[in-house]
Protein backbone atom coordinates (compact mmCIF):
# COMPACT_ATOMS: atom_id res chain seq x y z
CA MET A 1 0.00 -0.35 -0.20
CA PRO A 2 1.23 3.72 -0.58
CA THR A 3 2.33 6.25 2.17
CA ALA A 4 -0.72 7.89 3.41
CA PHE A 5 -0.09 11.44 3.21
CA ILE A 6 -2.51 13.55 5.13
CA THR A 7 -2.89 17.74 5.56
CA HIS A 8 -5.80 19.94 5.36
CA LEU A 9 -6.26 23.81 3.81
CA ALA A 10 -7.28 24.48 7.39
CA CYS A 11 -4.12 24.23 8.71
CA ALA A 12 -2.32 26.83 6.02
CA ALA A 13 -5.42 29.56 7.59
CA HIS A 14 -3.50 29.53 10.79
CA GLU A 15 -1.60 32.66 11.88
CA MET A 16 0.54 33.94 14.20
CA GLY A 17 1.51 37.26 13.08
CA ALA A 18 3.64 39.09 10.36
CA GLY A 19 7.38 37.04 10.80
CA HIS A 20 6.15 34.13 12.81
CA PRO A 21 8.94 31.72 12.22
CA GLU A 22 5.87 29.32 12.73
CA GLN A 23 4.33 30.16 9.52
CA PRO A 24 1.84 28.77 6.87
CA ALA A 25 4.54 28.55 4.30
CA ARG A 26 6.13 25.69 6.12
CA LEU A 27 3.52 23.03 4.36
CA SER A 28 3.75 24.34 1.14
CA ALA A 29 7.53 24.28 1.22
CA ILE A 30 7.32 20.47 1.84
CA ASP A 31 4.45 20.04 -0.95
CA ASP A 32 6.39 21.82 -3.73
CA HIS A 33 9.52 19.98 -2.66
CA LEU A 34 7.71 16.68 -2.68
CA ARG A 35 5.84 17.66 -6.14
CA ALA A 36 9.56 18.22 -7.49
CA SER A 37 10.94 15.37 -6.31
CA GLY A 38 7.95 13.82 -8.47
CA ARG A 39 6.76 11.90 -5.36
CA TYR A 40 3.99 13.90 -4.29
CA ASP A 41 1.71 11.81 -7.05
CA LEU A 42 3.01 8.99 -5.29
CA LEU A 43 1.29 10.00 -1.95
CA SER A 44 -1.90 8.52 -0.64
CA HIS A 45 -3.83 11.77 -0.69
CA HIS A 46 -6.45 12.13 2.65
CA GLN A 47 -7.87 15.57 3.96
CA ALA A 48 -7.57 15.16 7.83
CA PRO A 49 -10.51 15.24 9.33
CA ARG A 50 -11.34 17.18 12.65
CA ALA A 51 -10.44 15.74 16.09
CA THR A 52 -13.55 15.11 17.95
CA ILE A 53 -13.57 16.32 21.73
CA ALA A 54 -13.64 12.67 23.14
CA GLN A 55 -10.42 11.92 21.03
CA LEU A 56 -8.80 15.32 22.48
CA GLU A 57 -9.99 14.32 25.90
CA ARG A 58 -8.08 11.60 26.04
CA VAL A 59 -4.85 13.38 26.49
CA HIS A 60 -5.88 16.61 27.31
CA ALA A 61 -8.32 17.91 30.44
CA PRO A 62 -11.96 18.62 29.53
CA ASP A 63 -11.62 22.11 31.16
CA TYR A 64 -8.16 22.81 29.19
CA ILE A 65 -10.55 22.05 25.99
CA LYS A 66 -13.22 24.21 26.59
CA THR A 67 -11.03 27.38 27.96
CA LEU A 68 -8.79 27.24 24.53
CA ARG A 69 -12.02 27.32 22.25
CA SER A 70 -13.59 30.31 24.69
CA PHE A 71 -10.10 32.21 23.51
CA ALA A 72 -10.39 31.22 19.55
CA PRO A 73 -10.63 35.01 18.56
CA THR A 74 -12.66 35.97 15.51
CA GLU A 75 -10.60 38.63 14.20
CA ARG A 76 -7.60 39.65 15.57
CA LEU A 77 -4.55 37.80 17.24
CA ILE A 78 -4.67 37.15 21.04
CA ALA A 79 -1.69 35.75 22.89
CA ILE A 80 -1.94 32.16 24.97
CA ASP A 81 1.86 32.59 26.31
CA ALA A 82 4.74 34.52 25.11
CA ASP A 83 5.24 32.95 22.04
CA THR A 84 2.12 31.61 21.27
CA GLN A 85 -1.00 33.35 19.60
CA MET A 86 -4.10 32.39 18.12
CA GLY A 87 -6.12 34.16 15.34
CA PRO A 88 -9.24 33.38 13.30
CA GLY A 89 -8.32 30.52 12.04
CA SER A 90 -6.51 28.54 14.99
CA TRP A 91 -9.32 26.80 16.11
CA GLU A 92 -9.98 24.93 13.27
CA ALA A 93 -6.23 24.07 12.31
CA ALA A 94 -5.93 22.97 15.68
CA LEU A 95 -8.65 20.19 15.34
CA ARG A 96 -7.46 19.44 11.51
CA ALA A 97 -4.22 19.21 12.75
CA ALA A 98 -5.28 16.65 15.57
CA GLY A 99 -7.47 14.78 13.46
CA ALA A 100 -4.44 14.09 11.24
CA ALA A 101 -3.17 11.62 13.36
CA VAL A 102 -6.06 9.86 14.24
CA LEU A 103 -6.81 9.35 10.44
CA ALA A 104 -2.89 8.31 9.67
CA THR A 105 -3.37 5.33 12.79
CA ASP A 106 -6.88 4.63 11.64
CA LEU A 107 -4.92 4.23 7.82
CA VAL A 108 -1.92 2.44 9.13
CA ILE A 109 -3.66 -0.28 11.65
CA SER A 110 -6.12 -0.77 9.01
CA GLY A 111 -4.12 -1.83 6.55
CA ASP A 112 -4.78 0.84 4.23
CA ALA A 113 -1.85 2.59 4.11
CA ASP A 114 1.98 1.10 4.46
CA ARG A 115 3.39 4.45 6.71
CA ALA A 116 2.24 8.00 7.32
CA PHE A 117 2.77 11.21 7.23
CA CYS A 118 0.94 14.47 8.21
CA ASN A 119 1.83 17.38 7.20
CA VAL A 120 -0.04 19.69 9.60
CA ARG A 121 0.29 22.62 11.74
CA PRO A 122 0.04 23.88 14.29
CA PRO A 123 2.60 21.57 15.64
CA GLY A 124 1.51 19.36 19.22
CA HIS A 125 4.54 18.56 20.99
CA HIS A 126 5.17 21.26 23.44
CA ALA A 127 1.22 20.88 24.10
CA GLU A 128 0.51 19.40 27.95
CA ARG A 129 -2.11 18.10 29.57
CA ALA A 130 -3.45 21.15 30.57
CA ARG A 131 -1.39 24.26 29.17
CA SER A 132 -0.85 25.50 25.39
CA MET A 133 3.09 26.53 24.80
CA GLY A 134 5.60 26.78 22.28
CA PHE A 135 3.28 27.29 19.32
CA CYS A 136 1.42 24.46 20.07
CA PHE A 137 -2.20 23.83 21.40
CA PHE A 138 -3.37 20.12 20.99
CA ASN A 139 -0.36 17.65 21.02
CA ASN A 140 -1.45 15.94 17.62
CA VAL A 141 1.26 13.14 18.33
CA ALA A 142 -0.57 11.80 22.03
CA VAL A 143 -3.82 12.01 20.51
CA GLY A 144 -2.91 9.76 17.85
CA ALA A 145 -0.78 7.23 20.45
CA ALA A 146 -3.91 7.41 22.56
CA HIS A 147 -6.24 6.51 19.92
CA ALA A 148 -4.27 3.61 18.87
CA LEU A 149 -4.24 2.22 22.42
CA ASP A 150 -8.19 3.22 23.16
CA ALA A 151 -9.93 2.72 20.15
CA HIS A 152 -7.75 0.12 18.08
CA GLY A 153 -6.43 -1.79 21.71
CA LEU A 154 -3.05 -1.35 21.11
CA GLU A 155 -1.22 -2.70 24.58
CA ARG A 156 1.98 -0.87 24.21
CA VAL A 157 3.37 1.74 21.85
CA ALA A 158 6.70 4.19 21.01
CA ILE A 159 7.04 8.13 20.50
CA LEU A 160 10.00 8.85 18.73
CA ASP A 161 10.79 12.69 19.10
CA PHE A 162 13.56 13.87 17.01
CA ASP A 163 12.70 17.47 17.26
CA VAL A 164 15.31 19.96 18.16
CA HIS A 165 13.05 21.10 21.67
CA PHE A 166 12.44 18.73 23.98
CA GLY A 167 8.88 17.53 23.86
CA ASN A 168 7.17 18.13 27.15
CA GLY A 169 3.69 18.38 26.32
CA THR A 170 4.11 14.56 25.27
CA VAL A 171 6.02 13.56 28.59
CA ASP A 172 3.76 15.07 31.03
CA ILE A 173 0.63 13.78 29.26
CA PHE A 174 2.20 10.10 29.22
CA ALA A 175 3.94 10.44 32.47
CA ASP A 176 2.02 7.77 34.19
CA ASP A 177 0.89 5.38 31.49
CA PRO A 178 3.07 2.38 31.13
CA ARG A 179 1.63 1.94 27.31
CA VAL A 180 3.79 4.17 25.87
CA LEU A 181 7.45 4.47 25.47
CA VAL A 182 8.41 8.32 24.77
CA CYS A 183 12.40 8.54 22.97
CA SER A 184 13.91 11.97 23.06
CA THR A 185 16.84 13.58 21.10
CA TYR A 186 17.17 17.62 21.63
CA GLU A 187 19.40 20.32 22.13
CA TYR A 188 19.97 21.48 25.41
CA PRO A 189 20.37 24.09 26.94
CA LEU A 190 17.53 25.20 24.61
CA TYR A 191 13.73 26.07 25.01
CA PRO A 192 12.31 24.34 27.07
CA GLY A 193 15.06 25.08 28.89
CA MET A 194 14.08 21.11 30.75
CA ASN A 195 16.48 17.99 30.63
CA PRO A 196 15.14 15.52 32.88
CA ALA A 197 16.49 11.97 33.53
CA SER A 198 15.70 9.15 31.40
CA LYS A 199 13.19 6.48 33.23
CA PRO A 200 14.28 3.24 31.78
CA GLY A 201 11.38 0.83 30.00
CA HIS A 202 9.15 4.86 29.83
CA GLU A 203 11.52 7.69 28.88
CA ILE A 204 14.29 7.79 27.50
CA ASN A 205 15.80 11.18 26.94
CA CYS A 206 19.09 11.74 24.72
CA PRO A 207 20.45 15.88 25.09
CA LEU A 208 22.91 16.87 22.65
CA PRO A 209 25.07 19.76 23.11
CA ALA A 210 25.08 22.54 20.27
CA GLY A 211 26.68 21.86 17.40
CA SER A 212 26.01 18.66 17.01
CA GLY A 213 25.29 17.10 13.65
CA GLY A 214 24.42 13.20 12.61
CA ASP A 215 27.04 11.41 14.49
CA GLU A 216 25.77 12.65 18.05
CA LEU A 217 22.45 11.48 16.60
CA ARG A 218 23.48 8.22 15.54
CA SER A 219 25.15 7.52 18.66
CA ALA A 220 21.92 8.74 20.57
CA VAL A 221 19.43 6.21 18.17
CA GLU A 222 21.79 3.32 18.42
CA SER A 223 23.01 3.38 22.14
CA GLU A 224 20.07 4.53 23.91
CA TRP A 225 16.46 4.42 21.59
CA LEU A 226 16.93 0.87 20.06
CA PRO A 227 17.77 -1.10 23.23
CA ALA A 228 15.02 0.52 24.90
CA LEU A 229 13.06 0.04 21.75
CA SER A 230 13.72 -3.81 21.62
CA GLU A 231 13.11 -3.94 25.65
CA PHE A 232 9.84 -2.12 25.77
CA ARG A 233 8.20 -4.03 22.21
CA PRO A 234 5.99 -1.34 21.03
CA GLN A 235 3.06 -3.02 18.72
CA MET A 236 3.31 0.88 16.46
CA LEU A 237 5.75 3.66 16.18
CA PHE A 238 4.73 7.62 16.12
CA LEU A 239 7.22 10.10 15.09
CA SER A 240 7.16 13.44 15.94
CA ALA A 241 8.90 15.27 13.45
CA GLY A 242 10.94 17.83 13.95
CA PHE A 243 13.07 19.11 11.32
CA ASP A 244 14.47 22.19 13.68
CA GLY A 245 17.90 20.39 14.61
CA ALA A 246 18.86 21.17 10.41
CA VAL A 247 21.98 23.27 9.72
CA HIS A 248 20.93 26.93 9.50
CA ASP A 249 17.51 26.69 11.13
CA PRO A 250 17.22 30.19 13.19
CA LEU A 251 15.75 28.72 16.38
CA ALA A 252 18.35 26.23 17.21
CA GLY A 253 21.64 25.15 17.12
CA LEU A 254 22.21 21.70 15.71
CA ASN A 255 23.98 20.49 12.68
CA GLN A 256 21.91 17.78 11.28
CA ARG A 257 20.92 17.11 7.34
CA PRO A 258 19.00 15.36 4.57
CA SER A 259 21.06 12.57 4.79
CA ASP A 260 20.58 12.15 8.70
CA TYR A 261 16.87 12.07 8.32
CA GLU A 262 17.00 9.12 6.04
CA TRP A 263 19.24 7.30 8.22
CA LEU A 264 17.10 8.07 11.27
CA THR A 265 13.90 6.45 9.24
CA ASP A 266 15.38 3.52 7.50
CA VAL A 267 16.61 2.96 11.43
CA LEU A 268 13.04 3.53 12.44
CA CYS A 269 10.75 1.79 9.80
CA ASP A 270 13.50 -1.14 10.11
CA PHE A 271 12.30 -1.44 13.45
CA ALA A 272 9.21 -1.32 12.81
CA SER A 273 9.04 -3.93 10.42
CA GLU A 274 10.78 -6.31 11.98
CA HIS A 275 9.04 -5.66 15.54
CA CYS A 276 5.68 -3.44 14.92
CA GLU A 277 3.56 -5.05 11.82
CA ASN A 278 5.22 -2.19 9.72
CA ARG A 279 3.10 0.62 11.60
CA VAL A 280 4.94 3.82 11.58
CA VAL A 281 2.88 7.37 11.68
CA SER A 282 4.93 10.55 11.72
CA THR A 283 3.68 13.95 12.45
CA LEU A 284 5.35 17.90 11.47
CA GLU A 285 6.41 19.15 14.18
CA GLY A 286 9.38 22.15 14.26
CA GLY A 287 11.12 23.68 11.21
CA TYR A 288 12.11 27.24 10.45
CA ASP A 289 14.58 27.34 7.76
CA LEU A 290 11.75 27.04 4.83
CA ALA A 291 14.79 25.54 2.80
CA GLN A 292 16.32 23.01 5.46
CA LEU A 293 12.59 21.72 6.17
CA ALA A 294 11.70 21.13 2.47
CA ALA A 295 15.05 19.34 2.16
CA CYS A 296 14.49 17.23 5.47
CA ALA A 297 10.96 16.76 5.34
CA ALA A 298 10.78 14.94 2.05
CA ALA A 299 13.91 13.30 2.86
CA HIS A 300 12.19 11.82 5.76
CA ILE A 301 8.91 11.37 3.83
CA ALA A 302 10.91 9.93 0.76
CA ARG A 303 12.22 7.02 3.43
CA LEU A 304 8.78 6.48 4.91
CA MET A 305 7.51 5.44 1.30
CA GLU A 306 10.53 3.47 0.13
CA ALA A 307 12.08 2.16 3.39
């Protein structure tokens, strides 16, 4: 089956102000690169549905969802935190971004897609159970993982986060859930300023110093992630696919390149093929240099299609 590519026009209608790095052009940059490479038409294209309130409540507090909905403006931008704004299109975009992860999970588990990539925004991995932050409103990857567990009856899933920023929201949501293993690489020190100790069998944190590139990424994955995955035996992999660790990203200081994301995707897809019935759902997180984002995301998607 072809790899699913899930997005929605509403995700481009989310605005956080002129000059904000989390901009609508991020999505079109990925689309354009895939078209130029000839891969766009080889994907199976799907429109992201809205996540339901029940699906969101698996990972977010009901009062938080209600409060966030009440904040949604009709005409202007409002500040949720120092770097996160809501505009008239933000609520719909957030619902579609979370819904994409649900649809991707359904498609992959049913066998209607080989693997899936969600080309959506706003990103999600900083959104905690009851808090928006870091450009994020709903934790998209967490919504997908919880759907696999609670709607499809899986017993164990792993979330693998290679965004340059630590995914505090994902860790917060699944802090007490033994069904979920969260493995992360991230630059430290860097936003959100967290570097918690690993918890064997549940949370594997691999901080990377500024200037790190592919060698350091490979070392962390091979020495920390893969042994933890083998011991945990997940039935499905969810990827928080951030490409802001790429060279030249304006919000970080790592030096990863498209070939590093190709390698990482191959390693994770090989593990999924051997241990997880080939089940992989990848959801876009960060990446703010448009040229690097497009090149790295397209390399990742190409390997999802071919690995």
